[in-house]
Amino acid sequence: MQSLKTSIERLAALGEVEHNPEARAVFLEFRDALTQGKIRAAEKIDGRWVVNPWVKLGILLGFRLGELAETGCAALTFVDKDTFPVRKFSVADRVRIVPGGSSVRLGAYVAPSVICMPPMFINVGAYVDEGTMVDSHALVGSCAQVGKRVHLSAAAQIGGVIEPVNAAPVIIEDDVLVGGNCGVYEGTLVRTRAVLGAGTILTRSTPLYDLVRGEVYRATPESPLEVPEGAVVVPGSRAVKKGAAAELGISLYTPVIVKYRDEKTDRGIELEDWLR
């Protein structure tokens, strides 16, 4: 992909590309590779997640090249950039798209055996690996990376990021359960087999309190908030001990690690194989 990377970086640096035939041809090759999972916004190399800024440059190039186009039929019509239309699936893709208003953009990779429950949305640049379930009202944002056998429960929100191009996307590793109404944003990294209880919110500014190990995890300028492998996280609160907030007895929301995954946890969150 080095040649494609060089072309994308060169075209992204140009001031005018909107009417450049070469630019559209390069972008279409790029979009196909992105849709097929041959390239991705971030990848794990030697155990470490590495961001690929040029992939985001390619997505931004697509928005620059795109022209508004109308799709749909009758009363249900949509207007969007023609460079990122709705992705169409066939039986050969082995992706289950259950009827009811779900949408996946071209430029998103959805692996065989993924289940999409309506209504849900997967944005451009996202990578959703094998065996994952995207449940009703769930969002997989632009460039988010979702691993194998993940369950994104109803109304879970996995935040997206395109700019700045060097910013890490949200990464959900293999075998993670994201509970209902959870929100994972701003490049948060959720390690393998972690469990996020319903209503858990994770951002760069959210400290994560580990009651088991007696640690507090925070994002730094160089690294995102990271949820340890196998951690079970639930919504909690911490008292404000200074100023008027202390006098008023105010507490602030914070996520809390209450345990690490064990056999009892596995039994409680096991997905029914018949659904697959």
C-alpha atoms as a PDB file:
ATOM      1  CA  MET A   1       0.000   0.000   0.000  1.00  0.00           C
ATOM      2  CA  GLN A   2       3.029   2.309  -0.024  1.00  0.00           C
ATOM      3  CA  SER A   3       2.215   3.638  -3.500  1.00  0.00           C
ATOM      4  CA  LEU A   4      -1.373   4.405  -2.468  1.00  0.00           C
ATOM      5  CA  LYS A   5      -0.161   6.081   0.720  1.00  0.00           C
ATOM      6  CA  THR A   6       2.244   8.299  -1.272  1.00  0.00           C
ATOM      7  CA  SER A   7      -0.495   9.289  -3.713  1.00  0.00           C
ATOM      8  CA  ILE A   8      -2.959  10.137  -0.935  1.00  0.00           C
ATOM      9  CA  GLU A   9      -0.417  12.288   0.916  1.00  0.00           C
ATOM     10  CA  ARG A  10       0.538  14.107  -2.288  1.00  0.00           C
ATOM     11  CA  LEU A  11      -3.062  14.817  -3.303  1.00  0.00           C
ATOM     12  CA  ALA A  12      -4.050  15.871   0.222  1.00  0.00           C
ATOM     13  CA  ALA A  13      -1.334  18.527   0.109  1.00  0.00           C
ATOM     14  CA  LEU A  14      -2.708  20.098  -3.079  1.00  0.00           C
ATOM     15  CA  GLY A  15      -4.860  23.202  -2.821  1.00  0.00           C
ATOM     16  CA  GLU A  16      -7.306  22.191  -5.556  1.00  0.00           C
ATOM     17  CA  VAL A  17      -8.346  18.582  -6.155  1.00  0.00           C
ATOM     18  CA  GLU A  18     -12.091  18.885  -6.678  1.00  0.00           C
ATOM     19  CA  HIS A  19     -11.910  18.579 -10.485  1.00  0.00           C
ATOM     20  CA  ASN A  20      -8.812  16.391 -10.672  1.00  0.00           C
ATOM     21  CA  PRO A  21      -9.628  13.052 -12.412  1.00  0.00           C
ATOM     22  CA  GLU A  22      -6.509  11.421 -10.972  1.00  0.00           C
ATOM     23  CA  ALA A  23      -7.576  12.372  -7.455  1.00  0.00           C
ATOM     24  CA  ARG A  24     -10.960  10.675  -7.796  1.00  0.00           C
ATOM     25  CA  ALA A  25      -9.395   7.532  -9.283  1.00  0.00           C
ATOM     26  CA  VAL A  26      -6.884   7.325  -6.423  1.00  0.00           C
ATOM     27  CA  PHE A  27      -9.614   7.939  -3.872  1.00  0.00           C
ATOM     28  CA  LEU A  28     -11.830   5.177  -5.273  1.00  0.00           C
ATOM     29  CA  GLU A  29      -8.910   2.734  -5.023  1.00  0.00           C
ATOM     30  CA  PHE A  30      -8.355   3.923  -1.462  1.00  0.00           C
ATOM     31  CA  ARG A  31     -12.046   3.570  -0.539  1.00  0.00           C
ATOM     32  CA  ASP A  32     -12.154   0.016  -1.883  1.00  0.00           C
ATOM     33  CA  ALA A  33      -9.110  -0.950   0.203  1.00  0.00           C
ATOM     34  CA  LEU A  34     -10.690   0.643   3.279  1.00  0.00           C
ATOM     35  CA  THR A  35     -13.989  -1.172   2.728  1.00  0.00           C
ATOM     36  CA  GLN A  36     -12.164  -4.490   2.309  1.00  0.00           C
ATOM     37  CA  GLY A  37     -10.145  -4.005   5.505  1.00  0.00           C
ATOM     38  CA  LYS A  38      -6.816  -3.972   3.643  1.00  0.00           C
ATOM     39  CA  ILE A  39      -5.979  -0.619   5.260  1.00  0.00           C
ATOM     40  CA  ARG A  40      -7.238   0.841   8.526  1.00  0.00           C
ATOM     41  CA  ALA A  41      -6.990   4.023  10.584  1.00  0.00           C
ATOM     42  CA  ALA A  42      -5.105   2.240  13.372  1.00  0.00           C
ATOM     43  CA  GLU A  43      -3.511  -1.177  13.688  1.00  0.00           C
ATOM     44  CA  LYS A  44      -1.789  -3.239  16.343  1.00  0.00           C
ATOM     45  CA  ILE A  45       1.917  -3.749  15.637  1.00  0.00           C
ATOM     46  CA  ASP A  46       4.069  -5.750  18.083  1.00  0.00           C
ATOM     47  CA  GLY A  47       1.426  -5.335  20.783  1.00  0.00           C
ATOM     48  CA  ARG A  48       1.130  -1.563  20.371  1.00  0.00           C
ATOM     49  CA  TRP A  49      -1.630   0.379  18.632  1.00  0.00           C
ATOM     50  CA  VAL A  50      -0.313   2.672  15.903  1.00  0.00           C
ATOM     51  CA  VAL A  51      -2.331   5.396  14.169  1.00  0.00           C
ATOM     52  CA  ASN A  52      -2.150   5.691  10.361  1.00  0.00           C
ATOM     53  CA  PRO A  53      -2.688   9.426   9.691  1.00  0.00           C
ATOM     54  CA  TRP A  54      -2.586   8.965   5.927  1.00  0.00           C
ATOM     55  CA  VAL A  55      -5.769   6.880   6.092  1.00  0.00           C
ATOM     56  CA  LYS A  56      -7.597   9.812   7.660  1.00  0.00           C
ATOM     57  CA  LEU A  57      -6.107  12.074   4.972  1.00  0.00           C
ATOM     58  CA  GLY A  58      -7.662   9.771   2.390  1.00  0.00           C
ATOM     59  CA  ILE A  59     -11.077  10.021   4.054  1.00  0.00           C
ATOM     60  CA  LEU A  60     -10.812  13.817   4.168  1.00  0.00           C
ATOM     61  CA  LEU A  61      -9.814  13.777   0.489  1.00  0.00           C
ATOM     62  CA  GLY A  62     -13.052  11.921  -0.230  1.00  0.00           C
ATOM     63  CA  PHE A  63     -15.082  14.663   1.437  1.00  0.00           C
ATOM     64  CA  ARG A  64     -13.234  17.313  -0.596  1.00  0.00           C
ATOM     65  CA  LEU A  65     -13.902  15.439  -3.826  1.00  0.00           C
ATOM     66  CA  GLY A  66     -17.498  14.553  -3.060  1.00  0.00           C
ATOM     67  CA  GLU A  67     -20.521  16.307  -4.508  1.00  0.00           C
ATOM     68  CA  LEU A  68     -23.973  16.324  -2.968  1.00  0.00           C
ATOM     69  CA  ALA A  69     -26.178  13.620  -4.390  1.00  0.00           C
ATOM     70  CA  GLU A  70     -29.695  12.461  -3.608  1.00  0.00           C
ATOM     71  CA  THR A  71     -30.409   8.821  -2.885  1.00  0.00           C
ATOM     72  CA  GLY A  72     -33.374   6.832  -1.642  1.00  0.00           C
ATOM     73  CA  CYS A  73     -36.862   6.710  -3.005  1.00  0.00           C
ATOM     74  CA  ALA A  74     -40.337   8.182  -2.501  1.00  0.00           C
ATOM     75  CA  ALA A  75     -40.610  10.069   0.811  1.00  0.00           C
ATOM     76  CA  LEU A  76     -37.439   8.538   2.258  1.00  0.00           C
ATOM     77  CA  THR A  77     -34.584  10.395   0.559  1.00  0.00           C
ATOM     78  CA  PHE A  78     -31.088  11.373   1.652  1.00  0.00           C
ATOM     79  CA  VAL A  79     -28.565  13.972   0.519  1.00  0.00           C
ATOM     80  CA  ASP A  80     -24.877  13.256   1.122  1.00  0.00           C
ATOM     81  CA  LYS A  81     -21.453  13.333  -0.544  1.00  0.00           C
ATOM     82  CA  ASP A  82     -21.416  10.921  -3.476  1.00  0.00           C
ATOM     83  CA  THR A  83     -17.971   9.667  -2.436  1.00  0.00           C
ATOM     84  CA  PHE A  84     -19.400   7.947   0.656  1.00  0.00           C
ATOM     85  CA  PRO A  85     -22.694   6.308  -0.314  1.00  0.00           C
ATOM     86  CA  VAL A  86     -24.481   3.648   1.705  1.00  0.00           C
ATOM     87  CA  ARG A  87     -22.754   0.288   1.521  1.00  0.00           C
ATOM     88  CA  LYS A  88     -24.743  -2.565   0.002  1.00  0.00           C
ATOM     89  CA  PHE A  89     -24.284  -6.122   1.236  1.00  0.00           C
ATOM     90  CA  SER A  90     -24.917  -9.485  -0.380  1.00  0.00           C
ATOM     91  CA  VAL A  91     -25.101 -13.015   0.998  1.00  0.00           C
ATOM     92  CA  ALA A  92     -21.468 -13.471  -0.073  1.00  0.00           C
ATOM     93  CA  ASP A  93     -20.417 -10.860   2.516  1.00  0.00           C
ATOM     94  CA  ARG A  94     -21.790 -13.095   5.306  1.00  0.00           C
ATOM     95  CA  VAL A  95     -22.866 -10.030   7.286  1.00  0.00           C
ATOM     96  CA  ARG A  96     -26.333 -10.093   8.876  1.00  0.00           C
ATOM     97  CA  ILE A  97     -28.162  -6.801   8.375  1.00  0.00           C
ATOM     98  CA  VAL A  98     -31.509  -7.271  10.122  1.00  0.00           C
ATOM     99  CA  PRO A  99     -34.371  -5.216   8.596  1.00  0.00           C
ATOM    100  CA  GLY A 100     -35.267  -1.960  10.290  1.00  0.00           C
ATOM    101  CA  GLY A 101     -33.274   1.095   9.260  1.00  0.00           C
ATOM    102  CA  SER A 102     -29.588   0.321   9.777  1.00  0.00           C
ATOM    103  CA  SER A 103     -26.900   1.980   7.662  1.00  0.00           C
ATOM    104  CA  VAL A 104     -23.230   1.368   6.890  1.00  0.00           C
ATOM    105  CA  ARG A 105     -21.167   3.786   4.813  1.00  0.00           C
ATOM    106  CA  LEU A 106     -18.804   2.656   2.083  1.00  0.00           C
ATOM    107  CA  GLY A 107     -15.311   2.931   3.491  1.00  0.00           C
ATOM    108  CA  ALA A 108     -16.237   0.985   6.630  1.00  0.00           C
ATOM    109  CA  TYR A 109     -14.969  -2.568   7.051  1.00  0.00           C
ATOM    110  CA  VAL A 110     -17.523  -5.038   8.400  1.00  0.00           C
ATOM    111  CA  ALA A 111     -16.154  -8.557   8.725  1.00  0.00           C
ATOM    112  CA  PRO A 112     -18.006 -11.790   7.943  1.00  0.00           C
ATOM    113  CA  SER A 113     -20.244 -13.006  10.816  1.00  0.00           C
ATOM    114  CA  VAL A 114     -20.928  -9.482  12.154  1.00  0.00           C
ATOM    115  CA  ILE A 115     -24.574  -8.971  13.205  1.00  0.00           C
ATOM    116  CA  CYS A 116     -26.233  -5.559  12.798  1.00  0.00           C
ATOM    117  CA  MET A 117     -29.476  -5.064  14.719  1.00  0.00           C
ATOM    118  CA  PRO A 118     -31.764  -2.207  13.686  1.00  0.00           C
ATOM    119  CA  PRO A 119     -31.409   0.665  13.802  1.00  0.00           C
ATOM    120  CA  MET A 120     -27.631   1.119  14.009  1.00  0.00           C
ATOM    121  CA  PHE A 121     -24.990   3.063  12.098  1.00  0.00           C
ATOM    122  CA  ILE A 122     -21.360   2.358  11.152  1.00  0.00           C
ATOM    123  CA  ASN A 123     -19.454   5.374   9.826  1.00  0.00           C
ATOM    124  CA  VAL A 124     -16.654   5.658   7.279  1.00  0.00           C
ATOM    125  CA  GLY A 125     -13.226   4.408   8.345  1.00  0.00           C
ATOM    126  CA  ALA A 126     -14.609   2.167  11.072  1.00  0.00           C
ATOM    127  CA  TYR A 127     -13.304  -1.381  11.382  1.00  0.00           C
ATOM    128  CA  VAL A 128     -15.635  -4.018  12.881  1.00  0.00           C
ATOM    129  CA  ASP A 129     -14.115  -7.471  13.210  1.00  0.00           C
ATOM    130  CA  GLU A 130     -15.555 -10.996  13.101  1.00  0.00           C
ATOM    131  CA  GLY A 131     -18.312 -12.186  15.403  1.00  0.00           C
ATOM    132  CA  THR A 132     -19.201  -8.740  16.725  1.00  0.00           C
ATOM    133  CA  MET A 133     -22.791  -7.704  17.384  1.00  0.00           C
ATOM    134  CA  VAL A 134     -23.814  -4.084  16.865  1.00  0.00           C
ATOM    135  CA  ASP A 135     -27.097  -3.825  18.707  1.00  0.00           C
ATOM    136  CA  SER A 136     -30.073  -1.502  18.252  1.00  0.00           C
ATOM    137  CA  HIS A 137     -29.405   2.261  18.351  1.00  0.00           C
ATOM    138  CA  ALA A 138     -25.660   1.640  18.593  1.00  0.00           C
ATOM    139  CA  LEU A 139     -23.132   3.847  16.789  1.00  0.00           C
ATOM    140  CA  VAL A 140     -19.667   2.949  15.558  1.00  0.00           C
ATOM    141  CA  GLY A 141     -18.072   6.307  14.791  1.00  0.00           C
ATOM    142  CA  SER A 142     -15.655   7.226  12.019  1.00  0.00           C
ATOM    143  CA  CYS A 143     -12.321   5.359  12.233  1.00  0.00           C
ATOM    144  CA  ALA A 144     -13.299   3.504  15.441  1.00  0.00           C
ATOM    145  CA  GLN A 145     -11.644   0.080  15.728  1.00  0.00           C
ATOM    146  CA  VAL A 146     -13.770  -2.749  17.105  1.00  0.00           C
ATOM    147  CA  GLY A 147     -12.292  -6.206  17.643  1.00  0.00           C
ATOM    148  CA  LYS A 148     -13.574  -9.763  17.394  1.00  0.00           C
ATOM    149  CA  ARG A 149     -16.606 -11.068  19.320  1.00  0.00           C
ATOM    150  CA  VAL A 150     -17.430  -7.667  20.794  1.00  0.00           C
ATOM    151  CA  HIS A 151     -20.989  -6.949  21.915  1.00  0.00           C
ATOM    152  CA  LEU A 152     -22.030  -3.332  21.499  1.00  0.00           C
ATOM    153  CA  SER A 153     -25.282  -3.304  23.449  1.00  0.00           C
ATOM    154  CA  ALA A 154     -28.337  -1.189  22.718  1.00  0.00           C
ATOM    155  CA  ALA A 155     -27.650   2.559  22.464  1.00  0.00           C
ATOM    156  CA  ALA A 156     -23.886   2.149  22.959  1.00  0.00           C
ATOM    157  CA  GLN A 157     -21.939   4.995  21.408  1.00  0.00           C
ATOM    158  CA  ILE A 158     -18.394   4.404  20.125  1.00  0.00           C
ATOM    159  CA  GLY A 159     -17.072   7.845  19.283  1.00  0.00           C
ATOM    160  CA  GLY A 160     -15.388   8.714  16.011  1.00  0.00           C
ATOM    161  CA  VAL A 161     -12.518  10.947  15.004  1.00  0.00           C
ATOM    162  CA  ILE A 162     -11.167  12.102  11.651  1.00  0.00           C
ATOM    163  CA  GLU A 163      -9.399  15.310  12.644  1.00  0.00           C
ATOM    164  CA  PRO A 164      -6.738  15.869  13.773  1.00  0.00           C
ATOM    165  CA  VAL A 165      -5.379  13.115  11.563  1.00  0.00           C
ATOM    166  CA  ASN A 166      -2.804  11.973  14.127  1.00  0.00           C
ATOM    167  CA  ALA A 167      -5.392  11.547  16.906  1.00  0.00           C
ATOM    168  CA  ALA A 168      -5.988   7.967  18.056  1.00  0.00           C
ATOM    169  CA  PRO A 169      -9.486   6.625  17.421  1.00  0.00           C
ATOM    170  CA  VAL A 170     -11.517   4.744  20.009  1.00  0.00           C
ATOM    171  CA  ILE A 171     -10.270   1.163  20.126  1.00  0.00           C
ATOM    172  CA  ILE A 172     -12.305  -1.742  21.515  1.00  0.00           C
ATOM    173  CA  GLU A 173     -10.227  -4.921  21.608  1.00  0.00           C
ATOM    174  CA  ASP A 174     -11.448  -8.532  21.315  1.00  0.00           C
ATOM    175  CA  ASP A 175     -14.142 -10.093  23.517  1.00  0.00           C
ATOM    176  CA  VAL A 176     -15.276  -6.845  25.137  1.00  0.00           C
ATOM    177  CA  LEU A 177     -18.840  -6.269  26.312  1.00  0.00           C
ATOM    178  CA  VAL A 178     -20.008  -2.662  26.037  1.00  0.00           C
ATOM    179  CA  GLY A 179     -23.237  -2.363  28.021  1.00  0.00           C
ATOM    180  CA  GLY A 180     -26.356  -0.471  27.091  1.00  0.00           C
ATOM    181  CA  ASN A 181     -26.183   3.332  26.927  1.00  0.00           C
ATOM    182  CA  CYS A 182     -22.394   3.348  27.327  1.00  0.00           C
ATOM    183  CA  GLY A 183     -20.328   6.069  25.692  1.00  0.00           C
ATOM    184  CA  VAL A 184     -16.674   5.526  24.752  1.00  0.00           C
ATOM    185  CA  TYR A 185     -15.081   8.651  23.307  1.00  0.00           C
ATOM    186  CA  GLU A 186     -11.890  10.615  22.565  1.00  0.00           C
ATOM    187  CA  GLY A 187      -9.508   7.806  21.730  1.00  0.00           C
ATOM    188  CA  THR A 188     -10.184   5.640  24.780  1.00  0.00           C
ATOM    189  CA  LEU A 189      -8.571   2.182  24.547  1.00  0.00           C
ATOM    190  CA  VAL A 190     -10.587  -0.705  26.022  1.00  0.00           C
ATOM    191  CA  ARG A 191      -8.398  -3.765  26.376  1.00  0.00           C
ATOM    192  CA  THR A 192      -9.452  -7.334  25.605  1.00  0.00           C
ATOM    193  CA  ARG A 193     -12.175  -9.041  27.677  1.00  0.00           C
ATOM    194  CA  ALA A 194     -13.113  -5.889  29.571  1.00  0.00           C
ATOM    195  CA  VAL A 195     -16.753  -5.353  30.551  1.00  0.00           C
ATOM    196  CA  LEU A 196     -18.370  -1.907  30.628  1.00  0.00           C
ATOM    197  CA  GLY A 197     -21.523  -1.908  32.734  1.00  0.00           C
ATOM    198  CA  ALA A 198     -24.617  -0.131  31.435  1.00  0.00           C
ATOM    199  CA  GLY A 199     -24.318   3.645  31.440  1.00  0.00           C
ATOM    200  CA  THR A 200     -20.516   3.832  31.714  1.00  0.00           C
ATOM    201  CA  ILE A 201     -18.991   6.915  30.075  1.00  0.00           C
ATOM    202  CA  LEU A 202     -15.280   7.082  29.205  1.00  0.00           C
ATOM    203  CA  THR A 203     -13.460  10.154  27.834  1.00  0.00           C
ATOM    204  CA  ARG A 204      -9.952  11.643  27.906  1.00  0.00           C
ATOM    205  CA  SER A 205     -10.890  13.763  30.914  1.00  0.00           C
ATOM    206  CA  THR A 206     -12.439  10.888  32.875  1.00  0.00           C
ATOM    207  CA  PRO A 207     -10.305   9.383  35.663  1.00  0.00           C
ATOM    208  CA  LEU A 208     -10.880   5.652  36.056  1.00  0.00           C
ATOM    209  CA  TYR A 209     -10.699   4.369  39.655  1.00  0.00           C
ATOM    210  CA  ASP A 210      -9.510   0.791  40.165  1.00  0.00           C
ATOM    211  CA  LEU A 211     -10.864  -0.416  43.519  1.00  0.00           C
ATOM    212  CA  VAL A 212      -9.167  -3.798  43.099  1.00  0.00           C
ATOM    213  CA  ARG A 213      -5.612  -2.606  42.526  1.00  0.00           C
ATOM    214  CA  GLY A 214      -5.874   0.758  44.230  1.00  0.00           C
ATOM    215  CA  GLU A 215      -4.911   2.670  41.072  1.00  0.00           C
ATOM    216  CA  VAL A 216      -6.305   5.685  39.230  1.00  0.00           C
ATOM    217  CA  TYR A 217      -5.934   5.620  35.445  1.00  0.00           C
ATOM    218  CA  ARG A 218      -5.908   8.852  33.447  1.00  0.00           C
ATOM    219  CA  ALA A 219      -5.181   9.932  29.901  1.00  0.00           C
ATOM    220  CA  THR A 220      -1.954  11.845  29.304  1.00  0.00           C
ATOM    221  CA  PRO A 221      -0.923  14.184  26.474  1.00  0.00           C
ATOM    222  CA  GLU A 222       0.847  11.193  24.892  1.00  0.00           C
ATOM    223  CA  SER A 223      -1.660   8.402  25.573  1.00  0.00           C
ATOM    224  CA  PRO A 224      -5.424   7.918  25.893  1.00  0.00           C
ATOM    225  CA  LEU A 225      -7.398   6.637  28.837  1.00  0.00           C
ATOM    226  CA  GLU A 226      -6.903   2.875  28.926  1.00  0.00           C
ATOM    227  CA  VAL A 227      -9.188   0.277  30.475  1.00  0.00           C
ATOM    228  CA  PRO A 228      -7.094  -2.708  31.646  1.00  0.00           C
ATOM    229  CA  GLU A 229      -7.600  -6.195  30.251  1.00  0.00           C
ATOM    230  CA  GLY A 230     -10.491  -8.033  31.886  1.00  0.00           C
ATOM    231  CA  ALA A 231     -11.602  -5.054  33.987  1.00  0.00           C
ATOM    232  CA  VAL A 232     -15.283  -4.815  34.948  1.00  0.00           C
ATOM    233  CA  VAL A 233     -16.243  -1.128  34.947  1.00  0.00           C
ATOM    234  CA  VAL A 234     -19.449   0.389  36.324  1.00  0.00           C
ATOM    235  CA  PRO A 235     -20.659   3.982  36.775  1.00  0.00           C
ATOM    236  CA  GLY A 236     -19.756   5.496  40.137  1.00  0.00           C
ATOM    237  CA  SER A 237     -19.270   8.842  41.852  1.00  0.00           C
ATOM    238  CA  ARG A 238     -16.647  10.620  43.931  1.00  0.00           C
ATOM    239  CA  ALA A 239     -17.259  13.341  46.466  1.00  0.00           C
ATOM    240  CA  VAL A 240     -15.993  16.871  45.833  1.00  0.00           C
ATOM    241  CA  LYS A 241     -14.121  17.838  48.988  1.00  0.00           C
ATOM    242  CA  LYS A 242     -13.349  21.507  48.328  1.00  0.00           C
ATOM    243  CA  GLY A 243     -15.276  24.759  48.030  1.00  0.00           C
ATOM    244  CA  ALA A 244     -18.988  25.230  47.633  1.00  0.00           C
ATOM    245  CA  ALA A 245     -19.404  21.773  46.113  1.00  0.00           C
ATOM    246  CA  ALA A 246     -18.204  20.189  49.359  1.00  0.00           C
ATOM    247  CA  GLU A 247     -20.567  22.321  51.396  1.00  0.00           C
ATOM    248  CA  LEU A 248     -23.457  21.313  49.166  1.00  0.00           C
ATOM    249  CA  GLY A 249     -22.520  17.620  49.267  1.00  0.00           C
ATOM    250  CA  ILE A 250     -22.007  17.379  45.507  1.00  0.00           C
ATOM    251  CA  SER A 251     -20.422  14.331  43.902  1.00  0.00           C
ATOM    252  CA  LEU A 252     -19.061  13.927  40.370  1.00  0.00           C
ATOM    253  CA  TYR A 253     -19.530  10.980  38.034  1.00  0.00           C
ATOM    254  CA  THR A 254     -16.597   8.619  37.640  1.00  0.00           C
ATOM    255  CA  PRO A 255     -16.214   5.105  36.223  1.00  0.00           C
ATOM    256  CA  VAL A 256     -15.033   2.489  38.726  1.00  0.00           C
ATOM    257  CA  ILE A 257     -13.368  -0.910  38.276  1.00  0.00           C
ATOM    258  CA  VAL A 258     -15.116  -3.129  40.819  1.00  0.00           C
ATOM    259  CA  LYS A 259     -13.598  -6.482  39.835  1.00  0.00           C
ATOM    260  CA  TYR A 260     -11.750  -8.345  37.106  1.00  0.00           C
ATOM    261  CA  ARG A 261     -13.425 -10.820  34.834  1.00  0.00           C
ATOM    262  CA  ASP A 262     -13.930 -14.357  36.159  1.00  0.00           C
ATOM    263  CA  GLU A 263     -16.057 -17.425  35.388  1.00  0.00           C
ATOM    264  CA  LYS A 264     -19.120 -15.873  37.013  1.00  0.00           C
ATOM    265  CA  THR A 265     -18.754 -12.782  34.819  1.00  0.00           C
ATOM    266  CA  ASP A 266     -18.367 -14.954  31.727  1.00  0.00           C
ATOM    267  CA  ARG A 267     -21.599 -16.819  32.497  1.00  0.00           C
ATOM    268  CA  GLY A 268     -23.452 -13.545  33.039  1.00  0.00           C
ATOM    269  CA  ILE A 269     -22.461 -11.977  29.713  1.00  0.00           C
ATOM    270  CA  GLU A 270     -22.226 -15.019  27.445  1.00  0.00           C
ATOM    271  CA  LEU A 271     -23.967 -14.443  24.123  1.00  0.00           C
ATOM    272  CA  GLU A 272     -26.434 -17.051  23.014  1.00  0.00           C
ATOM    273  CA  ASP A 273     -24.800 -19.027  20.180  1.00  0.00           C
ATOM    274  CA  TRP A 274     -28.186 -19.550  18.563  1.00  0.00           C
ATOM    275  CA  LEU A 275     -28.263 -15.828  17.724  1.00  0.00           C
ATOM    276  CA  ARG A 276     -25.338 -16.361  15.401  1.00  0.00           C
END
